[in-house]
Amino acid sequence: MLDPVSAIATATTAFNTIKKGFAIGRDIESMASDLGRWMGALSDLEQAEKEAKNPPIFKKLFNGKSIEQEAMEAFAAKKKAEAQRAELKQWMGFTLGSKAWDELIAMEGQIRKQRQETMYRQRERRQKFIEWVVIILSIITGLIILVGLVWMFKVKGQ
């Protein structure tokens, strides 16, 4: 599961670097890696929010955080990301024009799509695999205990 706090921390670090870059007059090309890191962190944040709404079964059972705490973390991170997005749009509008913002949004969509196709699907498959292994092992353990109890009662009854 992705952690909204970690995702927004990564986004904030990248965002602050981007802001400094704009302040000293760096061009957008030289900040591409920072922009990519920021967009990736926002994508992770969005995915964390989706996963928080529909958590895996074992996360529901064994998570240390309450549902309310997770919801508040996701909400706060989402609001901070929205503020960063608005500020970045403003900076880009002033320095590069509105067309640059549209290009950035298109690039963000591509990055998000790639991440969904690779990272998030792999994590989802891995989580499902783990869930099935635990379920199967639980069933096998339950059957062994049941057979052991039946055998014990049979032996004790003789």
C-alpha atoms as a PDB file:
ATOM      1  CA  MET A   1       0.000   0.000   0.000  1.00  0.00           C
ATOM      2  CA  LEU A   2       1.188   3.435  -0.806  1.00  0.00           C
ATOM      3  CA  ASP A   3       1.502   5.876   2.028  1.00  0.00           C
ATOM      4  CA  PRO A   4      -0.062   9.306   1.368  1.00  0.00           C
ATOM      5  CA  VAL A   5       2.328  10.965   3.827  1.00  0.00           C
ATOM      6  CA  SER A   6       5.399   9.625   2.003  1.00  0.00           C
ATOM      7  CA  ALA A   7       3.922  10.481  -1.397  1.00  0.00           C
ATOM      8  CA  ILE A   8       3.184  14.088  -0.435  1.00  0.00           C
ATOM      9  CA  ALA A   9       6.623  14.440   1.186  1.00  0.00           C
ATOM     10  CA  THR A  10       8.248  13.362  -2.092  1.00  0.00           C
ATOM     11  CA  ALA A  11       5.944  15.671  -4.049  1.00  0.00           C
ATOM     12  CA  THR A  12       6.731  18.602  -1.755  1.00  0.00           C
ATOM     13  CA  THR A  13      10.485  18.092  -2.045  1.00  0.00           C
ATOM     14  CA  ALA A  14      10.266  17.961  -5.839  1.00  0.00           C
ATOM     15  CA  PHE A  15       7.861  20.906  -5.894  1.00  0.00           C
ATOM     16  CA  ASN A  16      10.180  23.077  -3.807  1.00  0.00           C
ATOM     17  CA  THR A  17      13.049  22.249  -6.170  1.00  0.00           C
ATOM     18  CA  ILE A  18      10.871  23.198  -9.155  1.00  0.00           C
ATOM     19  CA  LYS A  19       9.852  26.448  -7.463  1.00  0.00           C
ATOM     20  CA  LYS A  20      13.489  27.344  -6.808  1.00  0.00           C
ATOM     21  CA  GLY A  21      14.271  26.543 -10.421  1.00  0.00           C
ATOM     22  CA  PHE A  22      11.593  28.934 -11.659  1.00  0.00           C
ATOM     23  CA  ALA A  23      12.803  31.591  -9.219  1.00  0.00           C
ATOM     24  CA  ILE A  24      16.347  31.490 -10.573  1.00  0.00           C
ATOM     25  CA  GLY A  25      15.167  31.328 -14.186  1.00  0.00           C
ATOM     26  CA  ARG A  26      15.902  27.716 -15.089  1.00  0.00           C
ATOM     27  CA  ASP A  27      14.175  26.466 -18.207  1.00  0.00           C
ATOM     28  CA  ILE A  28      11.553  23.737 -18.040  1.00  0.00           C
ATOM     29  CA  GLU A  29      13.796  21.222 -19.811  1.00  0.00           C
ATOM     30  CA  SER A  30      16.422  21.430 -17.093  1.00  0.00           C
ATOM     31  CA  MET A  31      13.738  20.718 -14.489  1.00  0.00           C
ATOM     32  CA  ALA A  32      12.287  17.704 -16.310  1.00  0.00           C
ATOM     33  CA  SER A  33      13.495  15.162 -13.739  1.00  0.00           C
ATOM     34  CA  ASP A  34      12.066  17.229 -10.870  1.00  0.00           C
ATOM     35  CA  LEU A  35       8.771  17.595 -12.715  1.00  0.00           C
ATOM     36  CA  GLY A  36       8.731  13.858 -13.375  1.00  0.00           C
ATOM     37  CA  ARG A  37       9.387  13.109  -9.700  1.00  0.00           C
ATOM     38  CA  TRP A  38       6.612  15.525  -8.672  1.00  0.00           C
ATOM     39  CA  MET A  39       4.134  14.047 -11.144  1.00  0.00           C
ATOM     40  CA  GLY A  40       5.056  10.510 -10.100  1.00  0.00           C
ATOM     41  CA  ALA A  41       4.491  11.369  -6.445  1.00  0.00           C
ATOM     42  CA  LEU A  42       1.097  12.890  -7.283  1.00  0.00           C
ATOM     43  CA  SER A  43       0.217   9.741  -9.192  1.00  0.00           C
ATOM     44  CA  ASP A  44       1.257   7.658  -6.165  1.00  0.00           C
ATOM     45  CA  LEU A  45      -0.875   9.896  -3.971  1.00  0.00           C
ATOM     46  CA  GLU A  46      -3.898   9.375  -6.190  1.00  0.00           C
ATOM     47  CA  GLN A  47      -3.321   5.618  -6.175  1.00  0.00           C
ATOM     48  CA  ALA A  48      -2.952   5.634  -2.377  1.00  0.00           C
ATOM     49  CA  GLU A  49      -6.297   7.381  -2.123  1.00  0.00           C
ATOM     50  CA  LYS A  50      -7.908   4.739  -4.365  1.00  0.00           C
ATOM     51  CA  GLU A  51      -6.358   1.931  -2.325  1.00  0.00           C
ATOM     52  CA  ALA A  52      -7.489   3.554   0.931  1.00  0.00           C
ATOM     53  CA  LYS A  53     -11.077   3.559  -0.334  1.00  0.00           C
ATOM     54  CA  ASN A  54     -10.919  -0.144  -1.190  1.00  0.00           C
ATOM     55  CA  PRO A  55      -8.142  -1.718   0.913  1.00  0.00           C
ATOM     56  CA  PRO A  56      -7.080  -5.358   0.558  1.00  0.00           C
ATOM     57  CA  ILE A  57      -8.713  -7.753   3.020  1.00  0.00           C
ATOM     58  CA  PHE A  58      -5.611  -8.279   5.178  1.00  0.00           C
ATOM     59  CA  LYS A  59      -4.930  -4.573   5.398  1.00  0.00           C
ATOM     60  CA  LYS A  60      -8.395  -4.158   6.859  1.00  0.00           C
ATOM     61  CA  LEU A  61      -7.606  -6.778   9.491  1.00  0.00           C
ATOM     62  CA  PHE A  62      -4.008  -5.962  10.402  1.00  0.00           C
ATOM     63  CA  ASN A  63      -3.481  -2.268   9.686  1.00  0.00           C
ATOM     64  CA  GLY A  64      -2.229  -0.235  12.626  1.00  0.00           C
ATOM     65  CA  LYS A  65      -3.981   2.943  11.507  1.00  0.00           C
ATOM     66  CA  SER A  66      -7.635   3.664  11.899  1.00  0.00           C
ATOM     67  CA  ILE A  67      -9.802   4.298   8.864  1.00  0.00           C
ATOM     68  CA  GLU A  68     -10.377   7.852  10.071  1.00  0.00           C
ATOM     69  CA  GLN A  69      -6.642   8.527  10.410  1.00  0.00           C
ATOM     70  CA  GLU A  70      -5.964   7.221   6.909  1.00  0.00           C
ATOM     71  CA  ALA A  71      -8.808   9.309   5.510  1.00  0.00           C
ATOM     72  CA  MET A  72      -7.474  12.469   7.170  1.00  0.00           C
ATOM     73  CA  GLU A  73      -3.931  11.822   5.906  1.00  0.00           C
ATOM     74  CA  ALA A  74      -5.197  11.243   2.377  1.00  0.00           C
ATOM     75  CA  PHE A  75      -7.426  14.332   2.537  1.00  0.00           C
ATOM     76  CA  ALA A  76      -4.635  16.590   3.832  1.00  0.00           C
ATOM     77  CA  ALA A  77      -2.187  15.269   1.244  1.00  0.00           C
ATOM     78  CA  LYS A  78      -4.727  15.743  -1.535  1.00  0.00           C
ATOM     79  CA  LYS A  79      -5.369  19.366  -0.511  1.00  0.00           C
ATOM     80  CA  LYS A  80      -1.638  20.091  -0.358  1.00  0.00           C
ATOM     81  CA  ALA A  81      -1.169  18.544  -3.807  1.00  0.00           C
ATOM     82  CA  GLU A  82      -4.012  20.679  -5.185  1.00  0.00           C
ATOM     83  CA  ALA A  83      -2.343  23.808  -3.795  1.00  0.00           C
ATOM     84  CA  GLN A  84       0.982  22.784  -5.342  1.00  0.00           C
ATOM     85  CA  ARG A  85      -0.702  22.166  -8.684  1.00  0.00           C
ATOM     86  CA  ALA A  86      -2.390  25.581  -8.612  1.00  0.00           C
ATOM     87  CA  GLU A  87       0.870  27.329  -7.698  1.00  0.00           C
ATOM     88  CA  LEU A  88       2.821  25.490 -10.392  1.00  0.00           C
ATOM     89  CA  LYS A  89       0.154  26.386 -12.952  1.00  0.00           C
ATOM     90  CA  GLN A  90       0.528  30.022 -11.952  1.00  0.00           C
ATOM     91  CA  TRP A  91       4.338  29.926 -12.203  1.00  0.00           C
ATOM     92  CA  MET A  92       4.215  28.244 -15.582  1.00  0.00           C
ATOM     93  CA  GLY A  93       1.563  30.654 -16.841  1.00  0.00           C
ATOM     94  CA  PHE A  94       3.703  33.649 -15.904  1.00  0.00           C
ATOM     95  CA  THR A  95       6.961  32.302 -17.269  1.00  0.00           C
ATOM     96  CA  LEU A  96       6.022  30.018 -20.163  1.00  0.00           C
ATOM     97  CA  GLY A  97       2.389  30.704 -21.032  1.00  0.00           C
ATOM     98  CA  SER A  98      -0.724  28.589 -20.730  1.00  0.00           C
ATOM     99  CA  LYS A  99       0.289  26.258 -23.559  1.00  0.00           C
ATOM    100  CA  ALA A 100       3.176  24.963 -21.449  1.00  0.00           C
ATOM    101  CA  TRP A 101       0.720  24.039 -18.684  1.00  0.00           C
ATOM    102  CA  ASP A 102      -1.410  22.087 -21.169  1.00  0.00           C
ATOM    103  CA  GLU A 103       1.688  20.214 -22.325  1.00  0.00           C
ATOM    104  CA  LEU A 104       2.616  19.445 -18.731  1.00  0.00           C
ATOM    105  CA  ILE A 105      -0.865  18.084 -18.020  1.00  0.00           C
ATOM    106  CA  ALA A 106      -0.625  15.856 -21.113  1.00  0.00           C
ATOM    107  CA  MET A 107       2.773  14.586 -19.923  1.00  0.00           C
ATOM    108  CA  GLU A 108       1.347  13.957 -16.453  1.00  0.00           C
ATOM    109  CA  GLY A 109      -1.438  11.871 -17.988  1.00  0.00           C
ATOM    110  CA  GLN A 110       1.113   9.757 -19.849  1.00  0.00           C
ATOM    111  CA  ILE A 111       3.192   9.231 -16.695  1.00  0.00           C
ATOM    112  CA  ARG A 112       0.114   8.270 -14.683  1.00  0.00           C
ATOM    113  CA  LYS A 113      -0.983   5.807 -17.377  1.00  0.00           C
ATOM    114  CA  GLN A 114       2.469   4.198 -17.488  1.00  0.00           C
ATOM    115  CA  ARG A 115       2.585   3.875 -13.714  1.00  0.00           C
ATOM    116  CA  GLN A 116      -0.853   2.272 -13.660  1.00  0.00           C
ATOM    117  CA  GLU A 117       0.134  -0.205 -16.345  1.00  0.00           C
ATOM    118  CA  THR A 118       3.321  -1.237 -14.595  1.00  0.00           C
ATOM    119  CA  MET A 119       3.842  -0.454 -10.936  1.00  0.00           C
ATOM    120  CA  TYR A 120       0.291  -0.380  -9.631  1.00  0.00           C
ATOM    121  CA  ARG A 121      -0.853  -3.490 -11.492  1.00  0.00           C
ATOM    122  CA  GLN A 122       2.223  -5.418 -10.331  1.00  0.00           C
ATOM    123  CA  ARG A 123       1.590  -4.386  -6.734  1.00  0.00           C
ATOM    124  CA  GLU A 124      -2.075  -5.348  -7.085  1.00  0.00           C
ATOM    125  CA  ARG A 125      -1.173  -8.785  -8.501  1.00  0.00           C
ATOM    126  CA  ARG A 126       1.408  -9.349  -5.771  1.00  0.00           C
ATOM    127  CA  GLN A 127      -1.149  -8.390  -3.094  1.00  0.00           C
ATOM    128  CA  LYS A 128      -3.776 -10.752  -4.557  1.00  0.00           C
ATOM    129  CA  PHE A 129      -1.198 -13.548  -4.684  1.00  0.00           C
ATOM    130  CA  ILE A 130      -0.287 -13.014  -1.029  1.00  0.00           C
ATOM    131  CA  GLU A 131      -3.964 -12.948  -0.052  1.00  0.00           C
ATOM    132  CA  TRP A 132      -4.621 -16.248  -1.836  1.00  0.00           C
ATOM    133  CA  VAL A 133      -1.552 -17.911  -0.302  1.00  0.00           C
ATOM    134  CA  VAL A 134      -2.652 -16.837   3.188  1.00  0.00           C
ATOM    135  CA  ILE A 135      -6.220 -18.027   2.557  1.00  0.00           C
ATOM    136  CA  ILE A 136      -5.041 -21.411   1.257  1.00  0.00           C
ATOM    137  CA  LEU A 137      -2.609 -21.837   4.157  1.00  0.00           C
ATOM    138  CA  SER A 138      -5.381 -20.936   6.611  1.00  0.00           C
ATOM    139  CA  ILE A 139      -7.703 -23.510   5.078  1.00  0.00           C
ATOM    140  CA  ILE A 140      -4.987 -26.187   5.161  1.00  0.00           C
ATOM    141  CA  THR A 141      -4.156 -25.344   8.789  1.00  0.00           C
ATOM    142  CA  GLY A 142      -7.840 -25.489   9.703  1.00  0.00           C
ATOM    143  CA  LEU A 143      -8.210 -28.879   8.035  1.00  0.00           C
ATOM    144  CA  ILE A 144      -5.124 -30.237   9.814  1.00  0.00           C
ATOM    145  CA  ILE A 145      -6.491 -29.052  13.168  1.00  0.00           C
ATOM    146  CA  LEU A 146      -9.901 -30.563  12.389  1.00  0.00           C
ATOM    147  CA  VAL A 147      -8.388 -33.914  11.363  1.00  0.00           C
ATOM    148  CA  GLY A 148      -6.183 -33.847  14.481  1.00  0.00           C
ATOM    149  CA  LEU A 149      -9.179 -33.206  16.749  1.00  0.00           C
ATOM    150  CA  VAL A 150     -11.228 -35.970  15.104  1.00  0.00           C
ATOM    151  CA  TRP A 151      -8.291 -38.379  15.419  1.00  0.00           C
ATOM    152  CA  MET A 152      -7.736 -37.360  19.068  1.00  0.00           C
ATOM    153  CA  PHE A 153     -11.405 -37.972  19.961  1.00  0.00           C
ATOM    154  CA  LYS A 154     -11.346 -41.299  18.143  1.00  0.00           C
ATOM    155  CA  VAL A 155      -8.206 -42.444  19.981  1.00  0.00           C
ATOM    156  CA  LYS A 156      -9.536 -41.185  23.329  1.00  0.00           C
ATOM    157  CA  GLY A 157     -12.857 -42.942  22.782  1.00  0.00           C
ATOM    158  CA  GLN A 158     -11.260 -46.342  22.254  1.00  0.00           C
END
